[in-house]
Amino acid sequence: MSSNPILKRRTFLKGVGATLGLPLLEAMLPDAGLAAPSAGVPKRMAFVFVPNGVIVPDWKPKGQGTDWHLSPTLEPLANVKDKICVLSGLAQDNAQAKGDGPGDHARSSAAFLTGAHPVKTGGVDIRVGQSVDQTAAEKVGRQTRLPSIELGTEGGRNAGQCDSGYSCAYSNNISWKTASTPMAKEINPRLVFERMFGSAEDRDAAKGRAKRNEYRKSILDLVTEDASRLKQQLGQTDRRKMDEYFTSVREIEQRIDRSRDEDSKRKVPDLVIPTGIPKQLDEHISLMFDLMTLAFQTDTTRIATFMLANEGSNRSYPMVGVNDGHHHLSHHQNKQDWIDQLKKVDKYLVGHFAKFLEKLNGITEGNGTLLDHSMIVYGSAIADGNQHSHNDLPILLAGSGSGSITSGRHLAYPKNTPLNNLFLSLLDRMDAGVESLGDSTGRLKGLDA
């Protein structure tokens, strides 16, 4: 049997003003029709940021290596425990003050993916460093339609001061294209979806949001003819995979539309309400994770960042009984009732991350799952929000990078091991060819043990 695939990996379905990427099908792999190998399956890399630190005693698991137990905060990850590593002992030294005084929150988000110390300024002379995601995008981003995507749930300006003399650009971004250019995150699910699947010609032709919504069809309606022709070339397994994928795309479209319709009914005088941003935080976070899943599944991009909230965010979480602001509570001064509320927030956010991982793990790809072929970091550059500590950070690594990482372990590293050593190791697995990043001192050992 020929080893040449029937379809190219970068096959798209096309319609009038629409382009839809496809998931990885057996017909795109060598030796199609045999047991689908993992050769040729791309690796993905993502970074999920959580603000204000965590309650460390409830975060840290007991035991090390493969003999470990999930901590109370990490309990939602039970279904994917064998697909994650908890990494202890890592630090972002450049989030420390280093003579610059207050501003730990701004330094945390700025240094998180750069490993660089931000220039303390509230003006236009911002400077920190290129982030790991953009280093990867620069090296391998041309292989996909979008080099990277940057997502969030809270907006925010890049001008002015947000934390003790530091520019708001530092608090509101974790992705930096260059040392002085942050990559603005998108918080509107509709715009993320259109960036991924809509065409520039279609957007330019539609004059005004009302007209777009009135005449807009589902992207699946636009590509139905092309999809029907393609299905005739596919085997039963690939046809079923296509049907599951189309169902997922349609469901996300419908959720985005419901959010838009709910917003349009709200009567708020003199307030412009962004179209497509869900009113409920639960739905907003879920939609963004689902869009990231689609982006990876269709190979629209292999690199993503997601800020669950801006650093220093004072958002409340009434859905878990926390009505006070997150940042306010993080300065808990060892008050037990404040600590108890923070534990709820920590577990709530980990719970959303767990659902995301479970979804990735439910999508078959090659000889594994979409999660198996990913490397997803969850955490921040602040450990204890009360002390503003930047060492022994709360870091999770999910996925095995196509078998190059041994998951299901708690790895404890020597105190103050640079977090950027982890990032350098992930860049190696993305074939980025980078020798250093920020304050890295080498590769992080033990990931493949």
Protein backbone atom coordinates (compact mmCIF):
# COMPACT_ATOMS: atom_id res chain seq x y z
CA MET A 1 0.00 0.00 0.00
CA SER A 2 1.28 3.47 -0.81
CA SER A 3 2.71 5.48 2.07
CA ASN A 4 1.46 8.72 0.54
CA PRO A 5 -1.57 10.27 2.26
CA ILE A 6 -4.77 10.77 0.27
CA LEU A 7 -5.24 14.27 1.70
CA LYS A 8 -2.72 16.94 2.63
CA ARG A 9 -2.68 17.94 6.32
CA ARG A 10 -3.50 21.54 5.40
CA THR A 11 -6.72 20.65 3.55
CA PHE A 12 -9.55 23.18 3.91
CA LEU A 13 -13.24 23.18 3.11
CA LYS A 14 -14.18 26.31 1.20
CA GLY A 15 -17.38 28.16 0.47
CA VAL A 16 -18.40 31.71 -0.40
CA GLY A 17 -16.49 33.89 2.04
CA ALA A 18 -15.61 30.98 4.35
CA THR A 19 -12.69 28.65 4.97
CA LEU A 20 -12.90 25.78 7.44
CA GLY A 21 -9.89 23.81 8.63
CA LEU A 22 -10.23 20.07 9.20
CA PRO A 23 -9.23 17.81 12.06
CA LEU A 24 -6.46 15.27 11.50
CA LEU A 25 -7.94 12.37 9.53
CA GLU A 26 -6.50 8.93 8.81
CA ALA A 27 -6.55 9.91 5.13
CA MET A 28 -3.96 12.61 5.94
CA LEU A 29 -1.49 10.11 7.43
CA PRO A 30 0.94 7.77 5.70
CA ASP A 31 -0.34 4.20 5.26
CA ALA A 32 -3.95 5.36 5.49
CA GLY A 33 -6.28 2.48 6.20
CA LEU A 34 -3.77 0.79 8.54
CA ALA A 35 -3.41 1.56 12.24
CA ALA A 36 -2.99 5.31 12.17
CA PRO A 37 0.55 6.17 13.33
CA SER A 38 1.56 9.25 15.26
CA ALA A 39 4.26 10.15 12.76
CA GLY A 40 3.36 13.46 11.17
CA VAL A 41 0.96 14.44 13.96
CA PRO A 42 1.82 18.03 14.99
CA LYS A 43 2.65 19.07 18.54
CA ARG A 44 0.76 21.95 20.16
CA MET A 45 1.89 24.28 22.91
CA ALA A 46 -0.34 26.45 25.10
CA PHE A 47 -0.06 28.55 28.25
CA VAL A 48 -2.97 29.20 30.61
CA PHE A 49 -2.44 32.02 33.10
CA VAL A 50 -4.12 32.33 36.50
CA PRO A 51 -3.75 35.61 38.46
CA ASN A 52 -3.02 36.48 42.09
CA GLY A 53 -1.28 33.28 43.12
CA VAL A 54 -2.82 30.32 44.98
CA ILE A 55 -3.18 28.92 48.47
CA VAL A 56 0.02 26.88 48.29
CA PRO A 57 -0.69 24.23 51.00
CA ASP A 58 -3.89 23.21 49.20
CA TRP A 59 -2.18 23.29 45.81
CA LYS A 60 0.89 21.15 46.46
CA PRO A 61 0.35 17.39 46.12
CA LYS A 62 1.68 14.79 48.54
CA GLY A 63 4.35 12.40 47.33
CA GLN A 64 6.73 12.59 44.39
CA GLY A 65 7.41 10.81 41.15
CA THR A 66 4.62 8.40 40.25
CA ASP A 67 3.72 7.89 43.93
CA TRP A 68 1.71 11.02 44.52
CA HIS A 69 -1.80 12.15 45.33
CA LEU A 70 -3.84 15.07 44.04
CA SER A 71 -4.12 17.96 46.46
CA PRO A 72 -7.54 19.44 47.38
CA THR A 73 -7.16 22.22 44.78
CA LEU A 74 -6.13 19.78 42.05
CA GLU A 75 -8.90 17.23 42.72
CA PRO A 76 -10.85 18.25 39.58
CA LEU A 77 -7.97 16.79 37.53
CA ALA A 78 -8.67 13.23 38.72
CA ASN A 79 -9.86 12.03 35.29
CA VAL A 80 -6.64 13.19 33.61
CA LYS A 81 -4.16 12.62 36.45
CA ASP A 82 -2.09 10.28 34.30
CA LYS A 83 -1.85 13.00 31.61
CA ILE A 84 -0.39 15.78 33.78
CA CYS A 85 2.79 16.62 35.68
CA VAL A 86 2.85 18.89 38.72
CA LEU A 87 6.15 20.78 38.73
CA SER A 88 7.42 22.16 42.06
CA GLY A 89 10.47 24.30 42.79
CA LEU A 90 10.34 26.46 39.66
CA ALA A 91 10.82 30.25 39.90
CA GLN A 92 10.64 33.44 37.86
CA ASP A 93 13.43 35.45 39.43
CA ASN A 94 12.86 38.43 37.14
CA ALA A 95 9.42 38.94 38.68
CA GLN A 96 11.27 39.99 41.86
CA ALA A 97 11.58 43.71 42.62
CA LYS A 98 15.31 43.95 41.96
CA GLY A 99 15.31 47.45 43.41
CA ASP A 100 12.14 48.59 41.65
CA GLY A 101 9.91 48.54 44.74
CA PRO A 102 6.20 47.55 44.64
CA GLY A 103 4.51 46.16 41.53
CA ASP A 104 4.71 42.38 41.95
CA HIS A 105 1.49 41.74 40.05
CA ALA A 106 2.65 43.61 36.95
CA ARG A 107 6.03 41.90 37.13
CA SER A 108 4.35 38.49 37.51
CA SER A 109 2.38 38.63 34.26
CA ALA A 110 5.18 40.42 32.39
CA ALA A 111 7.84 37.91 33.43
CA PHE A 112 5.65 34.77 33.33
CA LEU A 113 6.42 33.74 29.74
CA THR A 114 9.43 35.98 29.10
CA GLY A 115 11.69 35.33 32.07
CA ALA A 116 12.70 39.00 31.75
CA HIS A 117 12.49 41.92 34.16
CA PRO A 118 10.08 44.62 32.95
CA VAL A 119 11.20 48.24 32.80
CA LYS A 120 9.25 50.14 35.44
CA THR A 121 7.36 52.75 33.49
CA GLY A 122 3.84 54.00 33.00
CA GLY A 123 4.73 55.56 29.67
CA VAL A 124 5.38 54.33 26.15
CA ASP A 125 8.90 53.03 26.88
CA ILE A 126 7.66 49.60 27.99
CA ARG A 127 10.17 46.78 27.65
CA VAL A 128 10.38 43.23 28.95
CA GLY A 129 11.29 40.43 26.50
CA GLN A 130 9.92 38.11 23.85
CA SER A 131 7.63 35.47 25.35
CA VAL A 132 8.03 31.73 24.80
CA ASP A 133 4.83 31.46 22.74
CA GLN A 134 5.95 34.18 20.35
CA THR A 135 9.43 32.70 20.14
CA ALA A 136 7.75 29.50 18.95
CA ALA A 137 5.38 31.40 16.64
CA GLU A 138 8.31 33.16 15.05
CA LYS A 139 10.05 29.85 14.36
CA VAL A 140 7.21 27.48 13.43
CA GLY A 141 4.08 29.66 13.12
CA ARG A 142 4.27 29.78 9.33
CA GLN A 143 3.28 26.11 9.23
CA THR A 144 -0.31 27.02 10.19
CA ARG A 145 -2.93 29.52 9.08
CA LEU A 146 -2.49 31.55 12.28
CA PRO A 147 0.96 31.68 13.91
CA SER A 148 -0.69 31.89 17.35
CA ILE A 149 -3.85 32.95 19.16
CA GLU A 150 -4.09 35.02 22.33
CA LEU A 151 -7.24 34.69 24.41
CA GLY A 152 -8.62 36.21 27.61
CA THR A 153 -11.79 36.96 29.55
CA GLU A 154 -10.99 40.49 30.76
CA GLY A 155 -10.18 43.47 28.59
CA GLY A 156 -7.84 46.23 29.64
CA ARG A 157 -5.87 49.10 28.25
CA ASN A 158 -2.17 49.08 27.45
CA ALA A 159 -1.72 52.75 28.35
CA GLY A 160 -1.43 54.32 31.78
CA GLN A 161 -0.41 52.79 35.09
CA CYS A 162 -2.10 49.76 36.67
CA ASP A 163 0.29 48.64 39.40
CA SER A 164 2.58 50.89 41.44
CA GLY A 165 4.05 52.77 38.49
CA TYR A 166 4.04 49.88 36.02
CA SER A 167 2.25 50.22 32.69
CA CYS A 168 -1.09 48.46 32.31
CA ALA A 169 0.47 46.64 29.35
CA TYR A 170 2.37 44.48 31.82
CA SER A 171 -0.68 43.48 33.87
CA ASN A 172 -2.96 42.82 30.91
CA ASN A 173 -0.68 40.72 28.67
CA ILE A 174 1.45 37.60 28.94
CA SER A 175 2.27 37.29 25.22
CA TRP A 176 4.98 39.58 23.83
CA LYS A 177 5.92 39.57 20.13
CA THR A 178 8.99 41.65 20.90
CA ALA A 179 10.40 43.16 24.07
CA SER A 180 8.28 46.27 23.51
CA THR A 181 5.23 44.86 21.67
CA PRO A 182 2.54 42.96 23.59
CA MET A 183 0.20 40.69 21.64
CA ALA A 184 -3.27 41.97 22.47
CA LYS A 185 -5.57 39.17 23.60
CA GLU A 186 -9.08 38.71 22.24
CA ILE A 187 -11.91 38.38 24.77
CA ASN A 188 -14.83 38.22 22.32
CA PRO A 189 -15.59 34.60 21.28
CA ARG A 190 -17.32 35.73 18.10
CA LEU A 191 -14.23 37.59 16.91
CA VAL A 192 -12.02 34.62 17.78
CA PHE A 193 -14.29 32.33 15.77
CA GLU A 194 -14.31 34.69 12.78
CA ARG A 195 -10.55 35.07 12.92
CA MET A 196 -10.18 31.30 12.84
CA PHE A 197 -12.80 30.46 10.21
CA GLY A 198 -14.14 33.57 8.49
CA SER A 199 -12.50 35.19 5.47
CA ALA A 200 -11.15 38.72 5.31
CA GLU A 201 -13.15 39.31 2.11
CA ASP A 202 -16.41 38.40 3.86
CA ARG A 203 -15.70 40.75 6.77
CA ASP A 204 -14.71 43.61 4.50
CA ALA A 205 -17.80 43.18 2.35
CA ALA A 206 -20.23 43.24 5.25
CA LYS A 207 -20.90 46.84 6.24
CA GLY A 208 -21.85 47.00 9.89
CA ARG A 209 -22.50 44.42 12.59
CA ALA A 210 -26.30 44.39 12.11
CA LYS A 211 -25.99 43.51 8.44
CA ARG A 212 -23.46 40.75 9.16
CA ASN A 213 -25.74 39.18 11.73
CA GLU A 214 -28.82 39.45 9.50
CA TYR A 215 -27.29 37.71 6.49
CA ARG A 216 -24.75 35.51 8.22
CA LYS A 217 -25.07 31.76 7.65
CA SER A 218 -23.41 29.05 9.64
CA ILE A 219 -19.93 28.42 8.32
CA LEU A 220 -21.03 24.80 7.88
CA ASP A 221 -23.81 25.91 5.50
CA LEU A 222 -21.24 27.79 3.43
CA VAL A 223 -18.89 24.83 3.00
CA THR A 224 -21.52 22.06 2.73
CA GLU A 225 -20.92 21.38 -0.98
CA ASP A 226 -17.16 21.02 -0.52
CA ALA A 227 -17.73 18.83 2.55
CA SER A 228 -20.05 16.48 0.63
CA ARG A 229 -17.44 15.96 -2.10
CA LEU A 230 -14.72 15.28 0.46
CA LYS A 231 -16.77 12.71 2.38
CA GLN A 232 -16.98 10.57 -0.75
CA GLN A 233 -13.20 10.08 -0.54
CA LEU A 234 -13.15 9.09 3.12
CA GLY A 235 -13.49 5.84 4.98
CA GLN A 236 -16.06 5.14 7.68
CA THR A 237 -13.80 6.21 10.57
CA ASP A 238 -12.94 9.54 8.95
CA ARG A 239 -16.58 10.20 8.08
CA ARG A 240 -17.58 9.68 11.70
CA LYS A 241 -14.76 11.97 12.81
CA MET A 242 -15.92 14.65 10.39
CA ASP A 243 -19.50 14.39 11.68
CA GLU A 244 -18.32 14.75 15.29
CA TYR A 245 -16.20 17.75 14.35
CA PHE A 246 -19.05 19.47 12.48
CA THR A 247 -21.34 18.91 15.46
CA SER A 248 -18.77 20.60 17.70
CA VAL A 249 -18.39 23.59 15.36
CA ARG A 250 -22.17 24.03 15.06
CA GLU A 251 -22.62 23.81 18.84
CA ILE A 252 -20.01 26.51 19.46
CA GLU A 253 -21.62 28.76 16.85
CA GLN A 254 -24.99 28.35 18.54
CA ARG A 255 -23.53 29.14 21.97
CA ILE A 256 -21.88 32.29 20.63
CA ASP A 257 -25.15 33.34 18.99
CA ARG A 258 -27.08 32.77 22.22
CA SER A 259 -24.59 34.97 24.07
CA ARG A 260 -25.03 37.69 21.44
CA ASP A 261 -28.81 37.48 21.66
CA GLU A 262 -28.77 37.66 25.47
CA ASP A 263 -26.58 40.76 25.35
CA SER A 264 -28.84 42.44 22.79
CA LYS A 265 -31.80 42.13 25.17
CA ARG A 266 -30.03 43.84 28.05
CA LYS A 267 -31.14 47.44 28.43
CA VAL A 268 -28.22 49.43 29.79
CA PRO A 269 -28.43 53.19 29.07
CA ASP A 270 -25.45 54.84 27.39
CA LEU A 271 -23.36 51.65 27.43
CA VAL A 272 -22.01 49.94 24.34
CA ILE A 273 -22.22 46.20 24.95
CA PRO A 274 -19.65 44.11 23.04
CA THR A 275 -21.36 41.59 20.76
CA GLY A 276 -20.80 37.92 21.55
CA ILE A 277 -19.23 38.21 25.03
CA PRO A 278 -21.15 35.90 27.36
CA LYS A 279 -22.80 37.42 30.38
CA GLN A 280 -21.85 34.46 32.59
CA LEU A 281 -18.18 33.84 33.37
CA ASP A 282 -18.71 30.05 33.29
CA GLU A 283 -19.81 30.20 29.69
CA HIS A 284 -17.13 32.72 28.73
CA ILE A 285 -14.27 30.57 30.02
CA SER A 286 -15.78 27.40 28.53
CA LEU A 287 -16.21 29.00 25.12
CA MET A 288 -12.62 30.22 25.04
CA PHE A 289 -11.30 26.77 25.96
CA ASP A 290 -13.54 25.21 23.30
CA LEU A 291 -12.25 27.64 20.69
CA MET A 292 -8.69 26.74 21.65
CA THR A 293 -9.63 23.08 21.24
CA LEU A 294 -11.00 23.76 17.74
CA ALA A 295 -7.91 25.76 16.82
CA PHE A 296 -5.69 22.82 17.74
CA GLN A 297 -8.00 20.16 16.31
CA THR A 298 -8.08 21.87 12.90
CA ASP A 299 -4.38 22.83 12.99
CA THR A 300 -5.42 26.46 12.58
CA THR A 301 -2.62 27.20 15.01
CA ARG A 302 -0.32 25.16 17.24
CA ILE A 303 0.44 27.91 19.74
CA ALA A 304 -1.96 29.62 22.16
CA THR A 305 -2.15 31.66 25.35
CA PHE A 306 -5.18 32.19 27.57
CA MET A 307 -5.41 34.62 30.47
CA LEU A 308 -8.21 33.42 32.75
CA ALA A 309 -8.10 36.96 34.15
CA ASN A 310 -5.68 39.88 34.14
CA GLU A 311 -2.99 39.93 36.81
CA GLY A 312 -4.26 41.80 39.85
CA SER A 313 -7.85 41.11 38.78
CA ASN A 314 -10.38 41.94 41.48
CA ARG A 315 -13.19 39.93 39.89
CA SER A 316 -15.55 38.14 42.28
CA TYR A 317 -16.70 34.52 41.87
CA PRO A 318 -20.27 34.38 43.19
CA MET A 319 -20.87 31.06 41.40
CA VAL A 320 -18.73 29.44 44.12
CA GLY A 321 -19.86 31.73 46.93
CA VAL A 322 -17.02 34.25 46.70
CA ASN A 323 -18.45 37.77 46.50
CA ASP A 324 -15.33 39.71 47.47
CA GLY A 325 -12.69 40.65 44.90
CA HIS A 326 -10.00 38.10 44.09
CA HIS A 327 -7.05 40.48 44.40
CA HIS A 328 -8.40 41.91 47.64
CA LEU A 329 -8.74 38.43 49.12
CA SER A 330 -5.26 37.39 47.95
CA HIS A 331 -3.82 39.75 50.58
CA HIS A 332 -5.41 37.52 53.20
CA GLN A 333 -3.04 38.28 56.10
CA ASN A 334 -3.62 34.66 57.21
CA LYS A 335 -7.32 35.28 57.89
CA GLN A 336 -8.86 31.84 57.64
CA ASP A 337 -12.18 32.95 56.15
CA TRP A 338 -10.33 34.80 53.37
CA ILE A 339 -8.10 31.78 52.74
CA ASP A 340 -11.15 29.53 52.52
CA GLN A 341 -12.65 31.77 49.85
CA LEU A 342 -9.42 31.77 47.87
CA LYS A 343 -9.35 27.95 47.93
CA LYS A 344 -12.75 27.99 46.24
CA VAL A 345 -11.48 30.31 43.49
CA ASP A 346 -8.36 28.20 42.96
CA LYS A 347 -10.39 24.99 42.63
CA TYR A 348 -12.98 26.66 40.37
CA LEU A 349 -10.33 27.75 37.86
CA VAL A 350 -8.56 24.38 37.96
CA GLY A 351 -11.96 22.79 37.34
CA HIS A 352 -12.35 24.68 34.06
CA PHE A 353 -8.85 23.66 33.05
CA ALA A 354 -9.66 20.04 33.86
CA LYS A 355 -12.73 20.08 31.58
CA PHE A 356 -10.57 21.50 28.79
CA LEU A 357 -8.03 18.70 29.22
CA GLU A 358 -10.77 16.08 29.28
CA LYS A 359 -12.12 17.40 25.99
CA LEU A 360 -8.67 17.28 24.39
CA ASN A 361 -8.21 13.77 25.74
CA GLY A 362 -11.48 12.70 24.14
CA ILE A 363 -10.35 13.60 20.61
CA THR A 364 -8.48 10.76 18.90
CA GLU A 365 -5.42 11.69 16.88
CA GLY A 366 -2.93 9.24 15.48
CA ASN A 367 -2.24 6.53 18.06
CA GLY A 368 -3.19 8.86 20.90
CA THR A 369 -5.35 11.87 21.65
CA LEU A 370 -5.14 15.58 21.00
CA LEU A 371 -3.96 15.99 24.60
CA ASP A 372 -1.19 13.43 24.06
CA HIS A 373 0.17 15.57 21.24
CA SER A 374 0.02 18.79 23.26
CA MET A 375 2.09 20.54 25.92
CA ILE A 376 -0.06 22.84 28.02
CA VAL A 377 1.28 24.87 30.93
CA TYR A 378 -1.08 26.18 33.64
CA GLY A 379 0.09 28.59 36.32
CA SER A 380 1.54 32.01 37.05
CA ALA A 381 4.65 33.79 38.28
CA ILE A 382 3.18 34.42 41.75
CA ALA A 383 2.93 31.54 44.20
CA ASP A 384 1.53 33.03 47.42
CA GLY A 385 -0.50 36.16 46.69
CA ASN A 386 -0.22 37.35 50.27
CA GLN A 387 3.58 37.31 50.24
CA HIS A 388 3.97 38.04 46.52
CA SER A 389 6.47 35.19 46.29
CA HIS A 390 7.87 34.31 42.88
CA ASN A 391 9.50 30.98 43.69
CA ASP A 392 8.06 27.46 44.06
CA LEU A 393 5.41 28.50 41.57
CA PRO A 394 2.11 26.67 40.98
CA ILE A 395 2.86 25.02 37.63
CA LEU A 396 1.07 22.20 35.82
CA LEU A 397 2.22 20.62 32.58
CA ALA A 398 -0.46 18.67 30.71
CA GLY A 399 0.09 16.39 27.74
CA SER A 400 3.13 14.41 26.68
CA GLY A 401 4.28 16.24 23.56
CA SER A 402 3.75 13.15 21.38
CA GLY A 403 5.39 10.86 23.92
CA SER A 404 8.44 13.02 24.63
CA ILE A 405 7.24 13.76 28.19
CA THR A 406 6.39 11.11 30.80
CA SER A 407 3.17 12.29 32.44
CA GLY A 408 1.38 11.26 35.63
CA ARG A 409 4.07 12.52 38.01
CA HIS A 410 4.91 15.13 40.62
CA LEU A 411 8.38 16.45 39.83
CA ALA A 412 10.13 18.42 42.58
CA TYR A 413 13.08 20.49 41.36
CA PRO A 414 15.78 22.26 43.37
CA LYS A 415 14.74 25.61 44.82
CA ASN A 416 14.74 28.51 42.34
CA THR A 417 15.12 26.38 39.20
CA PRO A 418 14.28 28.82 36.36
CA LEU A 419 10.81 28.34 34.92
CA ASN A 420 12.36 29.26 31.60
CA ASN A 421 14.28 25.98 31.63
CA LEU A 422 10.89 24.30 31.22
CA PHE A 423 9.99 26.64 28.37
CA LEU A 424 13.31 25.97 26.63
CA SER A 425 12.59 22.23 26.84
CA LEU A 426 9.14 22.73 25.31
CA LEU A 427 10.63 24.82 22.50
CA ASP A 428 12.99 21.92 21.72
CA ARG A 429 9.96 19.67 21.28
CA MET A 430 8.44 22.24 18.91
CA ASP A 431 11.68 22.09 16.86
CA ALA A 432 12.15 25.82 17.39
CA GLY A 433 15.96 25.65 17.51
CA VAL A 434 16.33 28.11 20.40
CA GLU A 435 19.33 27.98 22.73
CA SER A 436 18.19 30.34 25.49
CA LEU A 437 15.13 32.21 26.68
CA GLY A 438 15.03 34.90 29.35
CA ASP A 439 17.04 33.76 32.37
CA SER A 440 17.21 30.07 31.35
CA THR A 441 20.27 28.14 32.49
CA GLY A 442 19.65 25.00 30.44
CA ARG A 443 16.99 22.40 29.76
CA LEU A 444 14.72 21.11 32.50
CA LYS A 445 15.85 17.60 33.33
CA GLY A 446 13.64 14.62 34.02
CA LEU A 447 10.68 15.39 31.75
CA ASP A 448 11.24 12.28 29.66
CA ALA A 449 12.33 9.96 32.46
